[in-house]
Amino acid sequence: MNANHPDYYEILQPSPDAEQEVIEAAYRRLARKYHPDVSKDPGASDRMRLLNQAFEVLGDPATRAAYDRSRTPKRNPHSYRVFKPPANAL
């Protein structure tokens, strides 16, 4: 993925073929670790923002399917669509 669209699987750390329950568990685990009310890390707010953005995409099966399609180029590498996160995710 490019700098404008980070790899949400890399952020939440599950496998791209993970079940929905695994995605949710990964989000909850990382949110408990990096929430600004818990973490003393000065970058905790930014990390939590990325976690929320990744979970907004991967946590919804329809949005996740669209994201997955955007990650996999079609047979013609010039014909794939670029994923655009939901407007309220940024």
PDB file of N, CA and C in Angstrom:
ATOM      1  N   MET A   1       0.862  -1.178   0.000  1.00  0.00           N
ATOM      2  CA  MET A   1       0.000   0.000   0.000  1.00  0.00           C
ATOM      3  C   MET A   1       0.905   1.236   0.000  1.00  0.00           C
ATOM      4  N   ASN A   2       0.333   2.344  -0.426  1.00  0.00           N
ATOM      5  CA  ASN A   2       1.138   3.556  -0.458  1.00  0.00           C
ATOM      6  C   ASN A   2       0.975   4.346   0.837  1.00  0.00           C
ATOM      7  N   ALA A   3       1.664   5.473   0.947  1.00  0.00           N
ATOM      8  CA  ALA A   3       1.641   6.265   2.179  1.00  0.00           C
ATOM      9  C   ALA A   3       0.252   6.821   2.479  1.00  0.00           C
ATOM     10  N   ASN A   4      -0.552   7.087   1.449  1.00  0.00           N
ATOM     11  CA  ASN A   4      -1.891   7.622   1.684  1.00  0.00           C
ATOM     12  C   ASN A   4      -2.853   6.556   2.193  1.00  0.00           C
ATOM     13  N   HIS A   5      -2.577   5.304   1.861  1.00  0.00           N
ATOM     14  CA  HIS A   5      -3.448   4.200   2.251  1.00  0.00           C
ATOM     15  C   HIS A   5      -2.588   3.103   2.882  1.00  0.00           C
ATOM     16  N   PRO A   6      -2.426   3.160   4.194  1.00  0.00           N
ATOM     17  CA  PRO A   6      -1.590   2.148   4.841  1.00  0.00           C
ATOM     18  C   PRO A   6      -2.204   0.759   4.736  1.00  0.00           C
ATOM     19  N   ASP A   7      -1.400  -0.247   4.965  1.00  0.00           N
ATOM     20  CA  ASP A   7      -1.878  -1.624   4.947  1.00  0.00           C
ATOM     21  C   ASP A   7      -2.584  -1.898   6.267  1.00  0.00           C
ATOM     22  N   TYR A   8      -3.905  -1.986   6.228  1.00  0.00           N
ATOM     23  CA  TYR A   8      -4.688  -2.156   7.444  1.00  0.00           C
ATOM     24  C   TYR A   8      -4.438  -3.509   8.099  1.00  0.00           C
ATOM     25  N   TYR A   9      -4.089  -4.514   7.328  1.00  0.00           N
ATOM     26  CA  TYR A   9      -3.755  -5.805   7.921  1.00  0.00           C
ATOM     27  C   TYR A   9      -2.451  -5.704   8.710  1.00  0.00           C
ATOM     28  N   GLU A  10      -1.516  -4.921   8.204  1.00  0.00           N
ATOM     29  CA  GLU A  10      -0.258  -4.730   8.907  1.00  0.00           C
ATOM     30  C   GLU A  10      -0.495  -3.969  10.219  1.00  0.00           C
ATOM     31  N   ILE A  11      -1.392  -3.023  10.211  1.00  0.00           N
ATOM     32  CA  ILE A  11      -1.684  -2.238  11.410  1.00  0.00           C
ATOM     33  C   ILE A  11      -2.324  -3.106  12.496  1.00  0.00           C
ATOM     34  N   LEU A  12      -3.337  -3.898  12.122  1.00  0.00           N
ATOM     35  CA  LEU A  12      -4.031  -4.729  13.106  1.00  0.00           C
ATOM     36  C   LEU A  12      -3.336  -6.071  13.348  1.00  0.00           C
ATOM     37  N   GLN A  13      -2.452  -6.475  12.462  1.00  0.00           N
ATOM     38  CA  GLN A  13      -1.612  -7.659  12.579  1.00  0.00           C
ATOM     39  C   GLN A  13      -2.305  -9.019  12.405  1.00  0.00           C
ATOM     40  N   PRO A  14      -3.485  -9.105  11.811  1.00  0.00           N
ATOM     41  CA  PRO A  14      -4.009 -10.441  11.504  1.00  0.00           C
ATOM     42  C   PRO A  14      -3.609 -10.837  10.081  1.00  0.00           C
ATOM     43  N   SER A  15      -3.804 -12.078   9.765  1.00  0.00           N
ATOM     44  CA  SER A  15      -3.586 -12.554   8.406  1.00  0.00           C
ATOM     45  C   SER A  15      -4.718 -12.024   7.524  1.00  0.00           C
ATOM     46  N   PRO A  16      -4.465 -11.727   6.255  1.00  0.00           N
ATOM     47  CA  PRO A  16      -5.542 -11.278   5.373  1.00  0.00           C
ATOM     48  C   PRO A  16      -6.679 -12.286   5.216  1.00  0.00           C
ATOM     49  N   ASP A  17      -6.433 -13.549   5.501  1.00  0.00           N
ATOM     50  CA  ASP A  17      -7.513 -14.529   5.405  1.00  0.00           C
ATOM     51  C   ASP A  17      -8.119 -14.864   6.776  1.00  0.00           C
ATOM     52  N   ALA A  18      -7.859 -14.026   7.768  1.00  0.00           N
ATOM     53  CA  ALA A  18      -8.375 -14.253   9.121  1.00  0.00           C
ATOM     54  C   ALA A  18      -9.895 -14.118   9.176  1.00  0.00           C
ATOM     55  N   GLU A  19     -10.497 -14.881  10.073  1.00  0.00           N
ATOM     56  CA  GLU A  19     -11.940 -14.777  10.332  1.00  0.00           C
ATOM     57  C   GLU A  19     -12.242 -13.413  10.957  1.00  0.00           C
ATOM     58  N   GLN A  20     -13.487 -12.991  10.832  1.00  0.00           N
ATOM     59  CA  GLN A  20     -13.912 -11.697  11.367  1.00  0.00           C
ATOM     60  C   GLN A  20     -13.662 -11.600  12.880  1.00  0.00           C
ATOM     61  N   GLU A  21     -13.854 -12.707  13.598  1.00  0.00           N
ATOM     62  CA  GLU A  21     -13.639 -12.710  15.047  1.00  0.00           C
ATOM     63  C   GLU A  21     -12.173 -12.443  15.397  1.00  0.00           C
ATOM     64  N   VAL A  22     -11.269 -12.907  14.557  1.00  0.00           N
ATOM     65  CA  VAL A  22      -9.835 -12.686  14.782  1.00  0.00           C
ATOM     66  C   VAL A  22      -9.503 -11.210  14.577  1.00  0.00           C
ATOM     67  N   ILE A  23     -10.117 -10.595  13.577  1.00  0.00           N
ATOM     68  CA  ILE A  23      -9.917  -9.158  13.329  1.00  0.00           C
ATOM     69  C   ILE A  23     -10.376  -8.368  14.557  1.00  0.00           C
ATOM     70  N   GLU A  24     -11.557  -8.699  15.062  1.00  0.00           N
ATOM     71  CA  GLU A  24     -12.099  -7.990  16.226  1.00  0.00           C
ATOM     72  C   GLU A  24     -11.224  -8.189  17.456  1.00  0.00           C
ATOM     73  N   ALA A  25     -10.749  -9.405  17.670  1.00  0.00           N
ATOM     74  CA  ALA A  25      -9.891  -9.680  18.822  1.00  0.00           C
ATOM     75  C   ALA A  25      -8.566  -8.932  18.708  1.00  0.00           C
ATOM     76  N   ALA A  26      -8.013  -8.857  17.509  1.00  0.00           N
ATOM     77  CA  ALA A  26      -6.764  -8.128  17.299  1.00  0.00           C
ATOM     78  C   ALA A  26      -6.959  -6.644  17.608  1.00  0.00           C
ATOM     79  N   TYR A  27      -8.062  -6.091  17.143  1.00  0.00           N
ATOM     80  CA  TYR A  27      -8.354  -4.680  17.421  1.00  0.00           C
ATOM     81  C   TYR A  27      -8.473  -4.443  18.928  1.00  0.00           C
ATOM     82  N   ARG A  28      -9.260  -5.271  19.610  1.00  0.00           N
ATOM     83  CA  ARG A  28      -9.442  -5.086  21.054  1.00  0.00           C
ATOM     84  C   ARG A  28      -8.121  -5.203  21.805  1.00  0.00           C
ATOM     85  N   ARG A  29      -7.297  -6.178  21.427  1.00  0.00           N
ATOM     86  CA  ARG A  29      -6.003  -6.367  22.086  1.00  0.00           C
ATOM     87  C   ARG A  29      -5.110  -5.141  21.916  1.00  0.00           C
ATOM     88  N   LEU A  30      -5.010  -4.646  20.698  1.00  0.00           N
ATOM     89  CA  LEU A  30      -4.162  -3.486  20.435  1.00  0.00           C
ATOM     90  C   LEU A  30      -4.745  -2.202  21.024  1.00  0.00           C
ATOM     91  N   ALA A  31      -6.066  -2.079  21.030  1.00  0.00           N
ATOM     92  CA  ALA A  31      -6.689  -0.894  21.617  1.00  0.00           C
ATOM     93  C   ALA A  31      -6.423  -0.837  23.118  1.00  0.00           C
ATOM     94  N   ARG A  32      -6.469  -1.988  23.780  1.00  0.00           N
ATOM     95  CA  ARG A  32      -6.159  -2.012  25.221  1.00  0.00           C
ATOM     96  C   ARG A  32      -4.710  -1.610  25.476  1.00  0.00           C
ATOM     97  N   LYS A  33      -3.836  -1.976  24.564  1.00  0.00           N
ATOM     98  CA  LYS A  33      -2.411  -1.681  24.724  1.00  0.00           C
ATOM     99  C   LYS A  33      -2.065  -0.233  24.390  1.00  0.00           C
ATOM    100  N   TYR A  34      -2.675   0.312  23.334  1.00  0.00           N
ATOM    101  CA  TYR A  34      -2.258   1.616  22.817  1.00  0.00           C
ATOM    102  C   TYR A  34      -3.230   2.763  23.083  1.00  0.00           C
ATOM    103  N   HIS A  35      -4.312   2.523  23.788  1.00  0.00           N
ATOM    104  CA  HIS A  35      -5.258   3.611  24.052  1.00  0.00           C
ATOM    105  C   HIS A  35      -4.543   4.723  24.812  1.00  0.00           C
ATOM    106  N   PRO A  36      -4.736   5.981  24.427  1.00  0.00           N
ATOM    107  CA  PRO A  36      -4.033   7.093  25.075  1.00  0.00           C
ATOM    108  C   PRO A  36      -4.280   7.195  26.587  1.00  0.00           C
ATOM    109  N   ASP A  37      -5.385   6.670  27.071  1.00  0.00           N
ATOM    110  CA  ASP A  37      -5.639   6.705  28.512  1.00  0.00           C
ATOM    111  C   ASP A  37      -4.789   5.676  29.260  1.00  0.00           C
ATOM    112  N   VAL A  38      -4.236   4.712  28.531  1.00  0.00           N
ATOM    113  CA  VAL A  38      -3.454   3.632  29.143  1.00  0.00           C
ATOM    114  C   VAL A  38      -1.974   3.771  28.825  1.00  0.00           C
ATOM    115  N   SER A  39      -1.653   4.048  27.577  1.00  0.00           N
ATOM    116  CA  SER A  39      -0.270   4.097  27.117  1.00  0.00           C
ATOM    117  C   SER A  39       0.376   5.439  27.445  1.00  0.00           C
ATOM    118  N   LYS A  40       1.614   5.373  27.907  1.00  0.00           N
ATOM    119  CA  LYS A  40       2.397   6.589  28.181  1.00  0.00           C
ATOM    120  C   LYS A  40       3.148   7.061  26.941  1.00  0.00           C
ATOM    121  N   ASP A  41       3.084   6.284  25.880  1.00  0.00           N
ATOM    122  CA  ASP A  41       3.763   6.610  24.629  1.00  0.00           C
ATOM    123  C   ASP A  41       3.191   7.905  24.055  1.00  0.00           C
ATOM    124  N   PRO A  42       4.049   8.878  23.713  1.00  0.00           N
ATOM    125  CA  PRO A  42       3.539  10.136  23.147  1.00  0.00           C
ATOM    126  C   PRO A  42       2.831   9.961  21.804  1.00  0.00           C
ATOM    127  N   GLY A  43       3.089   8.866  21.101  1.00  0.00           N
ATOM    128  CA  GLY A  43       2.441   8.612  19.817  1.00  0.00           C
ATOM    129  C   GLY A  43       1.181   7.769  19.939  1.00  0.00           C
ATOM    130  N   ALA A  44       0.707   7.567  21.162  1.00  0.00           N
ATOM    131  CA  ALA A  44      -0.445   6.690  21.383  1.00  0.00           C
ATOM    132  C   ALA A  44      -1.699   7.186  20.664  1.00  0.00           C
ATOM    133  N   SER A  45      -1.927   8.478  20.641  1.00  0.00           N
ATOM    134  CA  SER A  45      -3.115   9.017  19.970  1.00  0.00           C
ATOM    135  C   SER A  45      -3.085   8.726  18.477  1.00  0.00           C
ATOM    136  N   ASP A  46      -1.918   8.915  17.867  1.00  0.00           N
ATOM    137  CA  ASP A  46      -1.785   8.632  16.431  1.00  0.00           C
ATOM    138  C   ASP A  46      -1.938   7.142  16.158  1.00  0.00           C
ATOM    139  N   ARG A  47      -1.352   6.321  17.011  1.00  0.00           N
ATOM    140  CA  ARG A  47      -1.468   4.863  16.846  1.00  0.00           C
ATOM    141  C   ARG A  47      -2.928   4.434  16.981  1.00  0.00           C
ATOM    142  N   MET A  48      -3.630   5.001  17.948  1.00  0.00           N
ATOM    143  CA  MET A  48      -5.032   4.653  18.155  1.00  0.00           C
ATOM    144  C   MET A  48      -5.887   5.102  16.972  1.00  0.00           C
ATOM    145  N   ARG A  49      -5.551   6.246  16.401  1.00  0.00           N
ATOM    146  CA  ARG A  49      -6.276   6.729  15.227  1.00  0.00           C
ATOM    147  C   ARG A  49      -6.122   5.739  14.072  1.00  0.00           C
ATOM    148  N   LEU A  50      -4.902   5.239  13.860  1.00  0.00           N
ATOM    149  CA  LEU A  50      -4.672   4.248  12.807  1.00  0.00           C
ATOM    150  C   LEU A  50      -5.389   2.938  13.103  1.00  0.00           C
ATOM    151  N   LEU A  51      -5.382   2.512  14.359  1.00  0.00           N
ATOM    152  CA  LEU A  51      -6.103   1.290  14.734  1.00  0.00           C
ATOM    153  C   LEU A  51      -7.592   1.436  14.442  1.00  0.00           C
ATOM    154  N   ASN A  52      -8.155   2.577  14.812  1.00  0.00           N
ATOM    155  CA  ASN A  52      -9.578   2.813  14.558  1.00  0.00           C
ATOM    156  C   ASN A  52      -9.883   2.839  13.065  1.00  0.00           C
ATOM    157  N   GLN A  53      -9.008   3.477  12.304  1.00  0.00           N
ATOM    158  CA  GLN A  53      -9.199   3.549  10.851  1.00  0.00           C
ATOM    159  C   GLN A  53      -9.133   2.144  10.252  1.00  0.00           C
ATOM    160  N   ALA A  54      -8.159   1.351  10.669  1.00  0.00           N
ATOM    161  CA  ALA A  54      -8.027  -0.012  10.151  1.00  0.00           C
ATOM    162  C   ALA A  54      -9.239  -0.859  10.531  1.00  0.00           C
ATOM    163  N   PHE A  55      -9.703  -0.718  11.762  1.00  0.00           N
ATOM    164  CA  PHE A  55     -10.847  -1.525  12.183  1.00  0.00           C
ATOM    165  C   PHE A  55     -12.133  -1.075  11.506  1.00  0.00           C
ATOM    166  N   GLU A  56     -12.243   0.201  11.203  1.00  0.00           N
ATOM    167  CA  GLU A  56     -13.432   0.674  10.483  1.00  0.00           C
ATOM    168  C   GLU A  56     -13.532  -0.006   9.118  1.00  0.00           C
ATOM    169  N   VAL A  57     -12.398  -0.225   8.484  1.00  0.00           N
ATOM    170  CA  VAL A  57     -12.384  -0.881   7.172  1.00  0.00           C
ATOM    171  C   VAL A  57     -12.494  -2.400   7.305  1.00  0.00           C
ATOM    172  N   LEU A  58     -11.649  -2.991   8.143  1.00  0.00           N
ATOM    173  CA  LEU A  58     -11.604  -4.451   8.238  1.00  0.00           C
ATOM    174  C   LEU A  58     -12.713  -5.029   9.112  1.00  0.00           C
ATOM    175  N   GLY A  59     -13.286  -4.224   9.978  1.00  0.00           N
ATOM    176  CA  GLY A  59     -14.329  -4.709  10.882  1.00  0.00           C
ATOM    177  C   GLY A  59     -15.688  -4.867  10.230  1.00  0.00           C
ATOM    178  N   ASP A  60     -15.883  -4.257   9.087  1.00  0.00           N
ATOM    179  CA  ASP A  60     -17.146  -4.370   8.353  1.00  0.00           C
ATOM    180  C   ASP A  60     -16.918  -5.289   7.153  1.00  0.00           C
ATOM    181  N   PRO A  61     -17.631  -6.410   7.077  1.00  0.00           N
ATOM    182  CA  PRO A  61     -17.371  -7.372   5.995  1.00  0.00           C
ATOM    183  C   PRO A  61     -17.467  -6.783   4.585  1.00  0.00           C
ATOM    184  N   ALA A  62     -18.418  -5.912   4.330  1.00  0.00           N
ATOM    185  CA  ALA A  62     -18.563  -5.344   2.982  1.00  0.00           C
ATOM    186  C   ALA A  62     -17.397  -4.401   2.661  1.00  0.00           C
ATOM    187  N   THR A  63     -17.025  -3.560   3.616  1.00  0.00           N
ATOM    188  CA  THR A  63     -15.911  -2.639   3.401  1.00  0.00           C
ATOM    189  C   THR A  63     -14.600  -3.413   3.281  1.00  0.00           C
ATOM    190  N   ARG A  64     -14.469  -4.466   4.089  1.00  0.00           N
ATOM    191  CA  ARG A  64     -13.272  -5.298   4.017  1.00  0.00           C
ATOM    192  C   ARG A  64     -13.165  -5.967   2.648  1.00  0.00           C
ATOM    193  N   ALA A  65     -14.269  -6.454   2.120  1.00  0.00           N
ATOM    194  CA  ALA A  65     -14.250  -7.098   0.801  1.00  0.00           C
ATOM    195  C   ALA A  65     -13.804  -6.106  -0.276  1.00  0.00           C
ATOM    196  N   ALA A  66     -14.301  -4.880  -0.205  1.00  0.00           N
ATOM    197  CA  ALA A  66     -13.881  -3.859  -1.170  1.00  0.00           C
ATOM    198  C   ALA A  66     -12.396  -3.550  -1.009  1.00  0.00           C
ATOM    199  N   TYR A  67     -11.952  -3.459   0.221  1.00  0.00           N
ATOM    200  CA  TYR A  67     -10.530  -3.210   0.486  1.00  0.00           C
ATOM    201  C   TYR A  67      -9.671  -4.349  -0.057  1.00  0.00           C
ATOM    202  N   ASP A  68     -10.103  -5.586   0.192  1.00  0.00           N
ATOM    203  CA  ASP A  68      -9.352  -6.745  -0.298  1.00  0.00           C
ATOM    204  C   ASP A  68      -9.268  -6.737  -1.824  1.00  0.00           C
ATOM    205  N   ARG A  69     -10.359  -6.389  -2.477  1.00  0.00           N
ATOM    206  CA  ARG A  69     -10.333  -6.308  -3.944  1.00  0.00           C
ATOM    207  C   ARG A  69      -9.359  -5.237  -4.413  1.00  0.00           C
ATOM    208  N   SER A  70      -9.261  -4.140  -3.691  1.00  0.00           N
ATOM    209  CA  SER A  70      -8.355  -3.066  -4.092  1.00  0.00           C
ATOM    210  C   SER A  70      -6.890  -3.439  -3.870  1.00  0.00           C
ATOM    211  N   ARG A  71      -6.634  -4.390  -2.985  1.00  0.00           N
ATOM    212  CA  ARG A  71      -5.269  -4.825  -2.704  1.00  0.00           C
ATOM    213  C   ARG A  71      -4.747  -5.800  -3.752  1.00  0.00           C
ATOM    214  N   THR A  72      -5.641  -6.477  -4.448  1.00  0.00           N
ATOM    215  CA  THR A  72      -5.255  -7.508  -5.401  1.00  0.00           C
ATOM    216  C   THR A  72      -5.431  -6.987  -6.823  1.00  0.00           C
ATOM    217  N   PRO A  73      -4.325  -6.765  -7.529  1.00  0.00           N
ATOM    218  CA  PRO A  73      -4.460  -6.291  -8.906  1.00  0.00           C
ATOM    219  C   PRO A  73      -5.177  -7.324  -9.782  1.00  0.00           C
ATOM    220  N   LYS A  74      -5.933  -6.828 -10.731  1.00  0.00           N
ATOM    221  CA  LYS A  74      -6.593  -7.699 -11.706  1.00  0.00           C
ATOM    222  C   LYS A  74      -5.533  -8.270 -12.640  1.00  0.00           C
ATOM    223  N   ARG A  75      -5.951  -9.074 -13.590  1.00  0.00           N
ATOM    224  CA  ARG A  75      -4.990  -9.653 -14.530  1.00  0.00           C
ATOM    225  C   ARG A  75      -4.202  -8.564 -15.253  1.00  0.00           C
ATOM    226  N   ASN A  76      -4.869  -7.507 -15.617  1.00  0.00           N
ATOM    227  CA  ASN A  76      -4.199  -6.370 -16.241  1.00  0.00           C
ATOM    228  C   ASN A  76      -3.776  -5.431 -15.110  1.00  0.00           C
ATOM    229  N   PRO A  77      -2.486  -5.288 -14.812  1.00  0.00           N
ATOM    230  CA  PRO A  77      -2.069  -4.486 -13.663  1.00  0.00           C
ATOM    231  C   PRO A  77      -2.446  -3.016 -13.765  1.00  0.00           C
ATOM    232  N   HIS A  78      -2.863  -2.554 -14.932  1.00  0.00           N
ATOM    233  CA  HIS A  78      -3.249  -1.155 -15.084  1.00  0.00           C
ATOM    234  C   HIS A  78      -4.740  -0.941 -14.868  1.00  0.00           C
ATOM    235  N   SER A  79      -5.463  -2.015 -14.548  1.00  0.00           N
ATOM    236  CA  SER A  79      -6.916  -1.882 -14.449  1.00  0.00           C
ATOM    237  C   SER A  79      -7.459  -2.002 -13.027  1.00  0.00           C
ATOM    238  N   TYR A  80      -6.596  -2.090 -12.017  1.00  0.00           N
ATOM    239  CA  TYR A  80      -7.130  -2.241 -10.663  1.00  0.00           C
ATOM    240  C   TYR A  80      -7.565  -0.899 -10.086  1.00  0.00           C
ATOM    241  N   ARG A  81      -8.518  -0.971  -9.149  1.00  0.00           N
ATOM    242  CA  ARG A  81      -9.055   0.233  -8.514  1.00  0.00           C
ATOM    243  C   ARG A  81      -8.261   0.562  -7.261  1.00  0.00           C
ATOM    244  N   VAL A  82      -8.153   1.825  -6.959  1.00  0.00           N
ATOM    245  CA  VAL A  82      -7.493   2.274  -5.747  1.00  0.00           C
ATOM    246  C   VAL A  82      -8.534   2.363  -4.645  1.00  0.00           C
ATOM    247  N   PHE A  83      -8.216   1.794  -3.474  1.00  0.00           N
ATOM    248  CA  PHE A  83      -9.137   1.831  -2.342  1.00  0.00           C
ATOM    249  C   PHE A  83      -9.187   3.243  -1.773  1.00  0.00           C
ATOM    250  N   LYS A  84     -10.403   3.702  -1.506  1.00  0.00           N
ATOM    251  CA  LYS A  84     -10.595   4.990  -0.854  1.00  0.00           C
ATOM    252  C   LYS A  84     -11.293   4.722   0.473  1.00  0.00           C
ATOM    253  N   PRO A  85     -10.628   5.044   1.609  1.00  0.00           N
ATOM    254  CA  PRO A  85     -11.256   4.788   2.901  1.00  0.00           C
ATOM    255  C   PRO A  85     -12.493   5.649   3.068  1.00  0.00           C
ATOM    256  N   PRO A  86     -13.404   5.241   3.949  1.00  0.00           N
ATOM    257  CA  PRO A  86     -14.602   6.044   4.201  1.00  0.00           C
ATOM    258  C   PRO A  86     -14.204   7.461   4.595  1.00  0.00           C
ATOM    259  N   ALA A  87     -15.006   8.428   4.226  1.00  0.00           N
ATOM    260  CA  ALA A  87     -14.676   9.845   4.459  1.00  0.00           C
ATOM    261  C   ALA A  87     -14.461  10.128   5.939  1.00  0.00           C
ATOM    262  N   ASN A  88     -15.216   9.475   6.815  1.00  0.00           N
ATOM    263  CA  ASN A  88     -15.076   9.771   8.237  1.00  0.00           C
ATOM    264  C   ASN A  88     -13.923   8.996   8.882  1.00  0.00           C
ATOM    265  N   ALA A  89     -13.157   8.227   8.111  1.00  0.00           N
ATOM    266  CA  ALA A  89     -12.031   7.459   8.654  1.00  0.00           C
ATOM    267  C   ALA A  89     -10.782   8.314   8.781  1.00  0.00           C
ATOM    268  N   LEU A  90     -10.756   9.429   8.116  1.00  0.00           N
ATOM    269  CA  LEU A  90      -9.552  10.263   8.165  1.00  0.00           C
ATOM    270  C   LEU A  90      -9.752  11.329   9.138  1.00  0.00           C
TER     271      LEU A  90
END
